[in-house]
Amino acid sequence: MSDKKITNIAVIGAGLMGHGIAQEFAGAGYQVQLHDITEETLDNARVQISKNLTLLAENDVIQKTSIPETKQRILTTVNLDVAVETADFVVEAVSENLPLKQQIFEELDSLCQSHTILASNTTALMPSQIGANTKRADKILNTHYFNPPYLIPLVELIRSPDTSDETVSVTFDLLTSIGKTPAIIEKEALGFVGPRLQAALIREAFAIVEQGIASAETVDLVVRNSFGRRLSVAGPFEVFELAGWDLVLDAFEELYKDLNSSFEINPLLREMVKSDKLGVKSGEGFYQWSEERQQALRNRMSQALIHAIQQDE
């Protein structure tokens, strides 16, 4: 790869994450092939990309005049071979289903050029699992974006024991070139870093609600208006180093004994799913989700993330 410049990107899966990833690469000047199995999904992706770009332009994150060119750089297709035939770098962004991802990577291995790097946007699965049936283990890794990918800068870059240093370096440089903040995870582990931390937080949050300590609304209120604000500007190690580890140790001596450490899924979570209280997608979870409430939350989150981008510039 060192003697070949990356110019063409393919994104496999145009859903929640895929269309935003394609948008990021196209906005940075790369030619992108966006693939999905139905034209309907691709049509929806094009509509959402237009909305995303308009939002960014309205908030002066990008120039309005750049929108047509960005959209023109994204070609869509339902044919996998067409999507990847000239790709130098492929990002897979389909659902969290290991057999499906393994099948796709096996197909990609046979369809792509020998130099092509294959990356998965999986939230938790390990690259060695996903690429188990390929013949290019040195060119496989995970690039885990956070939703929405066009507003959150971090991408976790996870290597397997077989991923080459060159593949990591090329991917790091590519992500940096489109304005992302890549974080290299040196040892593959289920959930990497971000999802593991989020899983630990939501496990304790469910335990607090299940035990009647506080309501879901109160938990959200506490997080939003306390340490959530700190964590937007400083990581947990930075925050606690300000306090001092001796004070942290004293505070946790008793608290740790009472925290949830179960290996089992919280029964309240299972009951929520069984009762079809899935959140926004079913219209009800801990909250009632009218269209107005959904949009209000999305707007609130988008504006906060855009403000963070503006502050970084």
C-alpha atoms as a PDB file:
ATOM      1  CA  MET A   1       0.000   0.000   0.000  1.00  0.00           C
ATOM      2  CA  SER A   2       2.879   2.362   0.686  1.00  0.00           C
ATOM      3  CA  ASP A   3       3.458   2.823  -3.055  1.00  0.00           C
ATOM      4  CA  LYS A   4      -0.237   3.337  -3.867  1.00  0.00           C
ATOM      5  CA  LYS A   5      -2.224   6.392  -2.817  1.00  0.00           C
ATOM      6  CA  ILE A   6      -5.739   5.856  -1.468  1.00  0.00           C
ATOM      7  CA  THR A   7      -8.215   7.599  -3.755  1.00  0.00           C
ATOM      8  CA  ASN A   8     -11.302   5.383  -3.843  1.00  0.00           C
ATOM      9  CA  ILE A   9     -13.403   4.369  -0.853  1.00  0.00           C
ATOM     10  CA  ALA A  10     -16.220   1.827  -0.641  1.00  0.00           C
ATOM     11  CA  VAL A  11     -18.731   1.733   2.195  1.00  0.00           C
ATOM     12  CA  ILE A  12     -20.776  -1.445   2.556  1.00  0.00           C
ATOM     13  CA  GLY A  13     -24.066  -0.754   4.309  1.00  0.00           C
ATOM     14  CA  ALA A  14     -25.937   2.554   3.888  1.00  0.00           C
ATOM     15  CA  GLY A  15     -27.931   2.521   7.115  1.00  0.00           C
ATOM     16  CA  LEU A  16     -27.524   4.367  10.414  1.00  0.00           C
ATOM     17  CA  MET A  17     -23.711   4.592  10.273  1.00  0.00           C
ATOM     18  CA  GLY A  18     -22.756   3.813   6.683  1.00  0.00           C
ATOM     19  CA  HIS A  19     -24.248   6.843   4.975  1.00  0.00           C
ATOM     20  CA  GLY A  20     -22.581   9.176   7.498  1.00  0.00           C
ATOM     21  CA  ILE A  21     -19.203   7.494   6.972  1.00  0.00           C
ATOM     22  CA  ALA A  22     -19.584   7.823   3.192  1.00  0.00           C
ATOM     23  CA  GLN A  23     -20.482  11.486   3.661  1.00  0.00           C
ATOM     24  CA  GLU A  24     -17.316  12.097   5.707  1.00  0.00           C
ATOM     25  CA  PHE A  25     -15.013  10.651   3.054  1.00  0.00           C
ATOM     26  CA  ALA A  26     -16.791  12.414   0.192  1.00  0.00           C
ATOM     27  CA  GLY A  27     -16.696  15.722   2.048  1.00  0.00           C
ATOM     28  CA  ALA A  28     -12.930  15.346   2.339  1.00  0.00           C
ATOM     29  CA  GLY A  29     -12.576  14.861  -1.419  1.00  0.00           C
ATOM     30  CA  TYR A  30     -12.545  11.070  -1.794  1.00  0.00           C
ATOM     31  CA  GLN A  31     -14.546   9.187  -4.406  1.00  0.00           C
ATOM     32  CA  VAL A  32     -16.999   6.906  -2.614  1.00  0.00           C
ATOM     33  CA  GLN A  33     -19.074   3.928  -3.658  1.00  0.00           C
ATOM     34  CA  LEU A  34     -21.944   3.368  -1.181  1.00  0.00           C
ATOM     35  CA  HIS A  35     -23.462  -0.119  -1.293  1.00  0.00           C
ATOM     36  CA  ASP A  36     -26.594  -1.675   0.125  1.00  0.00           C
ATOM     37  CA  ILE A  37     -28.862  -4.509  -0.924  1.00  0.00           C
ATOM     38  CA  THR A  38     -31.943  -2.383  -1.776  1.00  0.00           C
ATOM     39  CA  GLU A  39     -32.440   0.794  -3.764  1.00  0.00           C
ATOM     40  CA  GLU A  40     -34.870   1.979  -1.088  1.00  0.00           C
ATOM     41  CA  THR A  41     -32.129   1.988   1.541  1.00  0.00           C
ATOM     42  CA  LEU A  42     -29.801   3.837  -0.825  1.00  0.00           C
ATOM     43  CA  ASP A  43     -32.511   6.398  -1.626  1.00  0.00           C
ATOM     44  CA  ASN A  44     -33.044   6.981   2.099  1.00  0.00           C
ATOM     45  CA  ALA A  45     -29.275   7.355   2.530  1.00  0.00           C
ATOM     46  CA  ARG A  46     -29.110  10.032  -0.152  1.00  0.00           C
ATOM     47  CA  VAL A  47     -31.941  11.950   1.508  1.00  0.00           C
ATOM     48  CA  GLN A  48     -30.269  11.752   4.922  1.00  0.00           C
ATOM     49  CA  ILE A  49     -26.894  12.821   3.536  1.00  0.00           C
ATOM     50  CA  SER A  50     -28.530  15.896   2.010  1.00  0.00           C
ATOM     51  CA  LYS A  51     -30.126  16.741   5.359  1.00  0.00           C
ATOM     52  CA  ASN A  52     -26.823  16.264   7.187  1.00  0.00           C
ATOM     53  CA  LEU A  53     -24.919  18.486   4.776  1.00  0.00           C
ATOM     54  CA  THR A  54     -27.603  21.182   4.958  1.00  0.00           C
ATOM     55  CA  LEU A  55     -27.413  21.119   8.771  1.00  0.00           C
ATOM     56  CA  LEU A  56     -23.637  21.529   8.667  1.00  0.00           C
ATOM     57  CA  ALA A  57     -23.873  24.381   6.172  1.00  0.00           C
ATOM     58  CA  GLU A  58     -26.555  26.188   8.207  1.00  0.00           C
ATOM     59  CA  ASN A  59     -24.187  26.112  11.182  1.00  0.00           C
ATOM     60  CA  ASP A  60     -21.143  27.236   9.163  1.00  0.00           C
ATOM     61  CA  VAL A  61     -19.279  23.953   9.650  1.00  0.00           C
ATOM     62  CA  ILE A  62     -19.016  23.561   5.867  1.00  0.00           C
ATOM     63  CA  GLN A  63     -19.595  25.885   2.941  1.00  0.00           C
ATOM     64  CA  LYS A  64     -23.011  25.589   1.298  1.00  0.00           C
ATOM     65  CA  THR A  65     -21.291  25.699  -2.090  1.00  0.00           C
ATOM     66  CA  SER A  66     -19.444  22.442  -1.262  1.00  0.00           C
ATOM     67  CA  ILE A  67     -22.631  20.392  -0.927  1.00  0.00           C
ATOM     68  CA  PRO A  68     -23.212  19.560  -4.641  1.00  0.00           C
ATOM     69  CA  GLU A  69     -19.625  18.355  -5.105  1.00  0.00           C
ATOM     70  CA  THR A  70     -19.769  16.227  -1.966  1.00  0.00           C
ATOM     71  CA  LYS A  71     -22.971  14.550  -3.113  1.00  0.00           C
ATOM     72  CA  GLN A  72     -21.553  13.989  -6.598  1.00  0.00           C
ATOM     73  CA  ARG A  73     -18.589  12.097  -5.137  1.00  0.00           C
ATOM     74  CA  ILE A  74     -20.945   9.478  -3.660  1.00  0.00           C
ATOM     75  CA  LEU A  75     -22.127   6.856  -6.115  1.00  0.00           C
ATOM     76  CA  THR A  76     -24.608   4.206  -4.956  1.00  0.00           C
ATOM     77  CA  THR A  77     -25.042   0.622  -6.085  1.00  0.00           C
ATOM     78  CA  VAL A  78     -26.705  -2.635  -5.081  1.00  0.00           C
ATOM     79  CA  ASN A  79     -23.918  -4.608  -6.771  1.00  0.00           C
ATOM     80  CA  LEU A  80     -21.084  -5.467  -4.409  1.00  0.00           C
ATOM     81  CA  ASP A  81     -18.580  -6.151  -7.182  1.00  0.00           C
ATOM     82  CA  VAL A  82     -19.211  -2.714  -8.698  1.00  0.00           C
ATOM     83  CA  ALA A  83     -18.875  -1.050  -5.303  1.00  0.00           C
ATOM     84  CA  VAL A  84     -15.433  -2.464  -4.547  1.00  0.00           C
ATOM     85  CA  GLU A  85     -13.767  -3.109  -7.909  1.00  0.00           C
ATOM     86  CA  THR A  86     -11.596   0.037  -7.705  1.00  0.00           C
ATOM     87  CA  ALA A  87     -11.625   0.534  -3.923  1.00  0.00           C
ATOM     88  CA  ASP A  88      -8.365   1.094  -2.089  1.00  0.00           C
ATOM     89  CA  PHE A  89     -10.115   1.095   1.301  1.00  0.00           C
ATOM     90  CA  VAL A  90     -13.398  -0.564   2.270  1.00  0.00           C
ATOM     91  CA  VAL A  91     -15.497   0.146   5.356  1.00  0.00           C
ATOM     92  CA  GLU A  92     -18.124  -2.465   6.238  1.00  0.00           C
ATOM     93  CA  ALA A  93     -21.050  -1.004   8.201  1.00  0.00           C
ATOM     94  CA  VAL A  94     -23.745  -3.698   8.272  1.00  0.00           C
ATOM     95  CA  SER A  95     -25.624  -5.000  11.322  1.00  0.00           C
ATOM     96  CA  GLU A  96     -23.847  -6.590  14.311  1.00  0.00           C
ATOM     97  CA  ASN A  97     -24.077 -10.157  13.040  1.00  0.00           C
ATOM     98  CA  LEU A  98     -20.811 -12.084  13.025  1.00  0.00           C
ATOM     99  CA  PRO A  99     -21.728 -14.714  10.387  1.00  0.00           C
ATOM    100  CA  LEU A 100     -22.984 -11.949   8.089  1.00  0.00           C
ATOM    101  CA  LYS A 101     -19.827  -9.901   8.528  1.00  0.00           C
ATOM    102  CA  GLN A 102     -17.643 -12.971   7.966  1.00  0.00           C
ATOM    103  CA  GLN A 103     -19.535 -13.757   4.765  1.00  0.00           C
ATOM    104  CA  ILE A 104     -19.155 -10.181   3.513  1.00  0.00           C
ATOM    105  CA  PHE A 105     -15.439 -10.114   4.297  1.00  0.00           C
ATOM    106  CA  GLU A 106     -14.940 -13.422   2.491  1.00  0.00           C
ATOM    107  CA  GLU A 107     -16.661 -11.933  -0.568  1.00  0.00           C
ATOM    108  CA  LEU A 108     -14.663  -8.711  -0.279  1.00  0.00           C
ATOM    109  CA  ASP A 109     -11.447 -10.715  -0.084  1.00  0.00           C
ATOM    110  CA  SER A 110     -12.197 -12.335  -3.425  1.00  0.00           C
ATOM    111  CA  LEU A 111     -13.527  -9.178  -5.144  1.00  0.00           C
ATOM    112  CA  CYS A 112     -11.059  -6.512  -4.001  1.00  0.00           C
ATOM    113  CA  GLN A 113      -7.612  -5.712  -5.322  1.00  0.00           C
ATOM    114  CA  SER A 114      -4.721  -7.268  -3.446  1.00  0.00           C
ATOM    115  CA  HIS A 115      -3.644  -3.977  -1.840  1.00  0.00           C
ATOM    116  CA  THR A 116      -7.132  -3.065  -0.534  1.00  0.00           C
ATOM    117  CA  ILE A 117      -7.563  -2.624   3.208  1.00  0.00           C
ATOM    118  CA  LEU A 118     -10.772  -4.041   4.701  1.00  0.00           C
ATOM    119  CA  ALA A 119     -12.149  -2.304   7.795  1.00  0.00           C
ATOM    120  CA  SER A 120     -15.217  -3.074   9.883  1.00  0.00           C
ATOM    121  CA  ASN A 121     -17.278  -0.513  11.766  1.00  0.00           C
ATOM    122  CA  THR A 122     -18.374  -3.153  14.277  1.00  0.00           C
ATOM    123  CA  THR A 123     -19.281  -1.946  17.759  1.00  0.00           C
ATOM    124  CA  ALA A 124     -17.925  -4.947  19.631  1.00  0.00           C
ATOM    125  CA  LEU A 125     -16.669  -7.819  17.460  1.00  0.00           C
ATOM    126  CA  MET A 126     -12.948  -8.435  17.019  1.00  0.00           C
ATOM    127  CA  PRO A 127     -11.176  -8.061  13.652  1.00  0.00           C
ATOM    128  CA  SER A 128      -9.639 -11.522  13.893  1.00  0.00           C
ATOM    129  CA  GLN A 129     -13.169 -12.964  14.119  1.00  0.00           C
ATOM    130  CA  ILE A 130     -14.561 -10.931  11.238  1.00  0.00           C
ATOM    131  CA  GLY A 131     -11.679 -11.642   8.875  1.00  0.00           C
ATOM    132  CA  ALA A 132     -11.247 -15.292   9.843  1.00  0.00           C
ATOM    133  CA  ASN A 133     -12.171 -16.574   6.366  1.00  0.00           C
ATOM    134  CA  THR A 134      -9.991 -14.211   4.347  1.00  0.00           C
ATOM    135  CA  LYS A 135      -6.478 -14.520   2.958  1.00  0.00           C
ATOM    136  CA  ARG A 136      -5.414 -10.962   3.867  1.00  0.00           C
ATOM    137  CA  ALA A 137      -5.319 -10.963   7.670  1.00  0.00           C
ATOM    138  CA  ASP A 138      -2.561  -8.340   7.580  1.00  0.00           C
ATOM    139  CA  LYS A 139      -4.904  -5.876   5.854  1.00  0.00           C
ATOM    140  CA  ILE A 140      -7.914  -6.262   8.162  1.00  0.00           C
ATOM    141  CA  LEU A 141      -8.795  -4.098  11.142  1.00  0.00           C
ATOM    142  CA  ASN A 142     -11.725  -2.333  12.798  1.00  0.00           C
ATOM    143  CA  THR A 143     -12.511   1.345  12.430  1.00  0.00           C
ATOM    144  CA  HIS A 144     -15.224   1.966  15.009  1.00  0.00           C
ATOM    145  CA  TYR A 145     -17.051   5.251  14.473  1.00  0.00           C
ATOM    146  CA  PHE A 146     -19.476   6.747  16.971  1.00  0.00           C
ATOM    147  CA  ASN A 147     -22.961   7.899  16.014  1.00  0.00           C
ATOM    148  CA  PRO A 148     -23.436  10.309  14.335  1.00  0.00           C
ATOM    149  CA  PRO A 149     -20.122   9.754  12.525  1.00  0.00           C
ATOM    150  CA  TYR A 150     -20.152  13.119  10.770  1.00  0.00           C
ATOM    151  CA  LEU A 151     -20.346  14.983  14.113  1.00  0.00           C
ATOM    152  CA  ILE A 152     -18.228  12.876  16.494  1.00  0.00           C
ATOM    153  CA  PRO A 153     -14.497  13.013  15.669  1.00  0.00           C
ATOM    154  CA  LEU A 154     -13.217   9.855  17.355  1.00  0.00           C
ATOM    155  CA  VAL A 155     -12.660   6.605  15.476  1.00  0.00           C
ATOM    156  CA  GLU A 156     -11.317   3.629  17.413  1.00  0.00           C
ATOM    157  CA  LEU A 157      -8.737   1.808  15.304  1.00  0.00           C
ATOM    158  CA  ILE A 158      -8.477  -1.811  16.460  1.00  0.00           C
ATOM    159  CA  ARG A 159      -5.787  -4.143  15.163  1.00  0.00           C
ATOM    160  CA  SER A 160      -5.715  -7.925  15.395  1.00  0.00           C
ATOM    161  CA  PRO A 161      -2.511  -9.856  16.140  1.00  0.00           C
ATOM    162  CA  ASP A 162      -2.088 -10.248  12.365  1.00  0.00           C
ATOM    163  CA  THR A 163      -2.775  -6.660  11.297  1.00  0.00           C
ATOM    164  CA  SER A 164       0.396  -5.148   9.863  1.00  0.00           C
ATOM    165  CA  ASP A 165       1.961  -1.952  11.143  1.00  0.00           C
ATOM    166  CA  GLU A 166       1.653  -0.561   7.624  1.00  0.00           C
ATOM    167  CA  THR A 167      -2.117  -1.169   7.574  1.00  0.00           C
ATOM    168  CA  VAL A 168      -2.477   0.618  10.901  1.00  0.00           C
ATOM    169  CA  SER A 169      -0.311   3.517   9.724  1.00  0.00           C
ATOM    170  CA  VAL A 170      -2.125   3.922   6.401  1.00  0.00           C
ATOM    171  CA  THR A 171      -5.514   3.819   8.111  1.00  0.00           C
ATOM    172  CA  PHE A 172      -4.419   6.291  10.784  1.00  0.00           C
ATOM    173  CA  ASP A 173      -3.209   8.729   8.118  1.00  0.00           C
ATOM    174  CA  LEU A 174      -6.381   8.270   6.060  1.00  0.00           C
ATOM    175  CA  LEU A 175      -8.659   9.009   9.014  1.00  0.00           C
ATOM    176  CA  THR A 176      -6.547  11.984  10.022  1.00  0.00           C
ATOM    177  CA  SER A 177      -6.764  13.329   6.474  1.00  0.00           C
ATOM    178  CA  ILE A 178     -10.576  13.556   6.709  1.00  0.00           C
ATOM    179  CA  GLY A 179     -10.468  15.346  10.051  1.00  0.00           C
ATOM    180  CA  LYS A 180     -11.118  12.399  12.355  1.00  0.00           C
ATOM    181  CA  THR A 181      -9.333  11.687  15.628  1.00  0.00           C
ATOM    182  CA  PRO A 182      -8.121   8.069  15.412  1.00  0.00           C
ATOM    183  CA  ALA A 183      -7.348   6.230  18.648  1.00  0.00           C
ATOM    184  CA  ILE A 184      -5.189   3.135  18.165  1.00  0.00           C
ATOM    185  CA  ILE A 185      -6.326   0.217  20.346  1.00  0.00           C
ATOM    186  CA  GLU A 186      -3.284  -2.045  20.587  1.00  0.00           C
ATOM    187  CA  LYS A 187      -4.978  -5.230  21.806  1.00  0.00           C
ATOM    188  CA  GLU A 188      -8.241  -6.533  20.402  1.00  0.00           C
ATOM    189  CA  ALA A 189     -10.935  -7.117  23.019  1.00  0.00           C
ATOM    190  CA  LEU A 190     -14.714  -7.351  22.812  1.00  0.00           C
ATOM    191  CA  GLY A 191     -16.103  -3.829  22.883  1.00  0.00           C
ATOM    192  CA  PHE A 192     -12.688  -2.115  22.551  1.00  0.00           C
ATOM    193  CA  VAL A 193     -12.684   0.999  24.795  1.00  0.00           C
ATOM    194  CA  GLY A 194     -15.704   3.234  24.133  1.00  0.00           C
ATOM    195  CA  PRO A 195     -18.405   0.526  24.079  1.00  0.00           C
ATOM    196  CA  ARG A 196     -16.922  -1.158  27.174  1.00  0.00           C
ATOM    197  CA  LEU A 197     -17.095   2.090  29.118  1.00  0.00           C
ATOM    198  CA  GLN A 198     -20.633   2.755  27.889  1.00  0.00           C
ATOM    199  CA  ALA A 199     -21.698  -0.795  28.801  1.00  0.00           C
ATOM    200  CA  ALA A 200     -20.359  -0.366  32.330  1.00  0.00           C
ATOM    201  CA  LEU A 201     -22.265   2.907  32.723  1.00  0.00           C
ATOM    202  CA  ILE A 202     -25.603   1.606  31.432  1.00  0.00           C
ATOM    203  CA  ARG A 203     -25.269  -1.572  33.544  1.00  0.00           C
ATOM    204  CA  GLU A 204     -25.077   0.548  36.691  1.00  0.00           C
ATOM    205  CA  ALA A 205     -27.814   2.873  35.407  1.00  0.00           C
ATOM    206  CA  PHE A 206     -30.206  -0.075  34.973  1.00  0.00           C
ATOM    207  CA  ALA A 207     -29.283  -1.377  38.424  1.00  0.00           C
ATOM    208  CA  ILE A 208     -30.075   2.019  39.978  1.00  0.00           C
ATOM    209  CA  VAL A 209     -33.517   2.094  38.346  1.00  0.00           C
ATOM    210  CA  GLU A 210     -34.264  -1.584  39.064  1.00  0.00           C
ATOM    211  CA  GLN A 211     -33.397  -1.167  42.738  1.00  0.00           C
ATOM    212  CA  GLY A 212     -35.598   1.908  43.041  1.00  0.00           C
ATOM    213  CA  ILE A 213     -32.713   4.217  43.922  1.00  0.00           C
ATOM    214  CA  ALA A 214     -33.772   6.722  41.262  1.00  0.00           C
ATOM    215  CA  SER A 215     -35.895   6.910  38.106  1.00  0.00           C
ATOM    216  CA  ALA A 216     -34.488   6.781  34.582  1.00  0.00           C
ATOM    217  CA  GLU A 217     -35.337  10.470  34.226  1.00  0.00           C
ATOM    218  CA  THR A 218     -33.325  11.292  37.363  1.00  0.00           C
ATOM    219  CA  VAL A 219     -30.342   9.224  36.185  1.00  0.00           C
ATOM    220  CA  ASP A 220     -30.324  11.158  32.900  1.00  0.00           C
ATOM    221  CA  LEU A 221     -30.666  14.444  34.791  1.00  0.00           C
ATOM    222  CA  VAL A 222     -27.698  13.611  37.021  1.00  0.00           C
ATOM    223  CA  VAL A 223     -25.432  12.535  34.158  1.00  0.00           C
ATOM    224  CA  ARG A 224     -26.296  15.481  31.879  1.00  0.00           C
ATOM    225  CA  ASN A 225     -25.803  18.105  34.556  1.00  0.00           C
ATOM    226  CA  SER A 226     -22.773  16.782  36.425  1.00  0.00           C
ATOM    227  CA  PHE A 227     -19.929  14.558  35.279  1.00  0.00           C
ATOM    228  CA  GLY A 228     -21.332  14.411  31.747  1.00  0.00           C
ATOM    229  CA  ARG A 229     -20.311  18.021  31.302  1.00  0.00           C
ATOM    230  CA  ARG A 230     -16.816  17.378  32.612  1.00  0.00           C
ATOM    231  CA  LEU A 231     -16.340  14.352  30.360  1.00  0.00           C
ATOM    232  CA  SER A 232     -16.946  16.492  27.278  1.00  0.00           C
ATOM    233  CA  VAL A 233     -13.677  18.313  27.965  1.00  0.00           C
ATOM    234  CA  ALA A 234     -11.602  15.893  30.067  1.00  0.00           C
ATOM    235  CA  GLY A 235     -11.334  12.097  30.235  1.00  0.00           C
ATOM    236  CA  PRO A 236     -11.872  10.104  33.440  1.00  0.00           C
ATOM    237  CA  PHE A 237      -8.153   9.757  34.187  1.00  0.00           C
ATOM    238  CA  GLU A 238      -7.637  13.495  33.765  1.00  0.00           C
ATOM    239  CA  VAL A 239     -10.635  14.296  35.971  1.00  0.00           C
ATOM    240  CA  PHE A 240      -9.581  12.001  38.803  1.00  0.00           C
ATOM    241  CA  GLU A 241      -5.957  13.060  38.632  1.00  0.00           C
ATOM    242  CA  LEU A 242      -7.190  16.564  39.454  1.00  0.00           C
ATOM    243  CA  ALA A 243      -8.836  15.136  42.567  1.00  0.00           C
ATOM    244  CA  GLY A 244      -5.948  12.840  43.517  1.00  0.00           C
ATOM    245  CA  TRP A 245      -5.931   9.058  43.543  1.00  0.00           C
ATOM    246  CA  ASP A 246      -5.715   8.929  47.335  1.00  0.00           C
ATOM    247  CA  LEU A 247      -9.101  10.645  47.615  1.00  0.00           C
ATOM    248  CA  VAL A 248     -10.492   8.440  44.850  1.00  0.00           C
ATOM    249  CA  LEU A 249      -9.322   5.317  46.687  1.00  0.00           C
ATOM    250  CA  ASP A 250     -10.968   6.474  49.921  1.00  0.00           C
ATOM    251  CA  ALA A 251     -14.239   7.212  48.118  1.00  0.00           C
ATOM    252  CA  PHE A 252     -14.338   3.868  46.340  1.00  0.00           C
ATOM    253  CA  GLU A 253     -13.343   1.607  49.253  1.00  0.00           C
ATOM    254  CA  GLU A 254     -16.993   1.127  50.271  1.00  0.00           C
ATOM    255  CA  LEU A 255     -18.774   2.165  47.078  1.00  0.00           C
ATOM    256  CA  TYR A 256     -17.241  -0.581  44.909  1.00  0.00           C
ATOM    257  CA  LYS A 257     -18.813  -3.233  47.144  1.00  0.00           C
ATOM    258  CA  ASP A 258     -22.279  -1.941  46.256  1.00  0.00           C
ATOM    259  CA  LEU A 259     -21.868  -1.440  42.506  1.00  0.00           C
ATOM    260  CA  ASN A 260     -23.436  -3.848  40.058  1.00  0.00           C
ATOM    261  CA  SER A 261     -20.898  -6.398  38.834  1.00  0.00           C
ATOM    262  CA  SER A 262     -23.213  -9.067  37.461  1.00  0.00           C
ATOM    263  CA  PHE A 263     -22.254 -11.030  34.365  1.00  0.00           C
ATOM    264  CA  GLU A 264     -25.968 -11.416  33.605  1.00  0.00           C
ATOM    265  CA  ILE A 265     -28.067  -9.001  31.568  1.00  0.00           C
ATOM    266  CA  ASN A 266     -30.215  -6.900  33.905  1.00  0.00           C
ATOM    267  CA  PRO A 267     -33.732  -8.395  34.102  1.00  0.00           C
ATOM    268  CA  LEU A 268     -35.245  -4.930  33.666  1.00  0.00           C
ATOM    269  CA  LEU A 269     -33.503  -4.615  30.289  1.00  0.00           C
ATOM    270  CA  ARG A 270     -34.819  -8.023  29.208  1.00  0.00           C
ATOM    271  CA  GLU A 271     -38.324  -7.062  30.328  1.00  0.00           C
ATOM    272  CA  MET A 272     -38.156  -3.796  28.385  1.00  0.00           C
ATOM    273  CA  VAL A 273     -37.307  -5.674  25.187  1.00  0.00           C
ATOM    274  CA  LYS A 274     -39.902  -8.391  25.845  1.00  0.00           C
ATOM    275  CA  SER A 275     -42.560  -5.705  26.309  1.00  0.00           C
ATOM    276  CA  ASP A 276     -41.491  -3.966  23.064  1.00  0.00           C
ATOM    277  CA  LYS A 277     -40.463  -0.883  25.006  1.00  0.00           C
ATOM    278  CA  LEU A 278     -37.460  -0.334  22.757  1.00  0.00           C
ATOM    279  CA  GLY A 279     -37.245   3.444  22.922  1.00  0.00           C
ATOM    280  CA  VAL A 280     -37.620   5.713  19.910  1.00  0.00           C
ATOM    281  CA  LYS A 281     -38.043   2.880  17.387  1.00  0.00           C
ATOM    282  CA  SER A 282     -41.189   1.596  19.127  1.00  0.00           C
ATOM    283  CA  GLY A 283     -42.352   4.964  20.465  1.00  0.00           C
ATOM    284  CA  GLU A 284     -41.913   4.004  24.108  1.00  0.00           C
ATOM    285  CA  GLY A 285     -39.142   3.063  26.513  1.00  0.00           C
ATOM    286  CA  PHE A 286     -38.547   4.811  29.799  1.00  0.00           C
ATOM    287  CA  TYR A 287     -39.976   7.820  27.958  1.00  0.00           C
ATOM    288  CA  GLN A 288     -42.929   8.302  25.595  1.00  0.00           C
ATOM    289  CA  TRP A 289     -41.465   9.234  22.211  1.00  0.00           C
ATOM    290  CA  SER A 290     -43.726  11.448  20.125  1.00  0.00           C
ATOM    291  CA  GLU A 291     -42.350  12.705  16.810  1.00  0.00           C
ATOM    292  CA  GLU A 292     -41.873  16.127  18.391  1.00  0.00           C
ATOM    293  CA  ARG A 293     -39.931  14.731  21.349  1.00  0.00           C
ATOM    294  CA  GLN A 294     -37.719  12.617  19.093  1.00  0.00           C
ATOM    295  CA  GLN A 295     -36.868  15.585  16.920  1.00  0.00           C
ATOM    296  CA  ALA A 296     -36.253  17.817  19.916  1.00  0.00           C
ATOM    297  CA  LEU A 297     -33.703  15.370  21.322  1.00  0.00           C
ATOM    298  CA  ARG A 298     -31.990  14.935  17.975  1.00  0.00           C
ATOM    299  CA  ASN A 299     -31.820  18.709  17.533  1.00  0.00           C
ATOM    300  CA  ARG A 300     -30.448  19.194  21.037  1.00  0.00           C
ATOM    301  CA  MET A 301     -27.731  16.599  20.509  1.00  0.00           C
ATOM    302  CA  SER A 302     -26.827  17.863  17.028  1.00  0.00           C
ATOM    303  CA  GLN A 303     -26.532  21.462  18.159  1.00  0.00           C
ATOM    304  CA  ALA A 304     -24.350  20.497  21.126  1.00  0.00           C
ATOM    305  CA  LEU A 305     -22.050  18.399  18.929  1.00  0.00           C
ATOM    306  CA  ILE A 306     -21.856  21.140  16.287  1.00  0.00           C
ATOM    307  CA  HIS A 307     -20.991  23.657  19.016  1.00  0.00           C
ATOM    308  CA  ALA A 308     -18.175  21.365  20.137  1.00  0.00           C
ATOM    309  CA  ILE A 309     -16.835  21.239  16.574  1.00  0.00           C
ATOM    310  CA  GLN A 310     -16.957  25.019  16.352  1.00  0.00           C
ATOM    311  CA  GLN A 311     -15.110  25.333  19.652  1.00  0.00           C
ATOM    312  CA  ASP A 312     -12.367  23.014  18.395  1.00  0.00           C
ATOM    313  CA  GLU A 313     -11.751  25.076  15.265  1.00  0.00           C
END
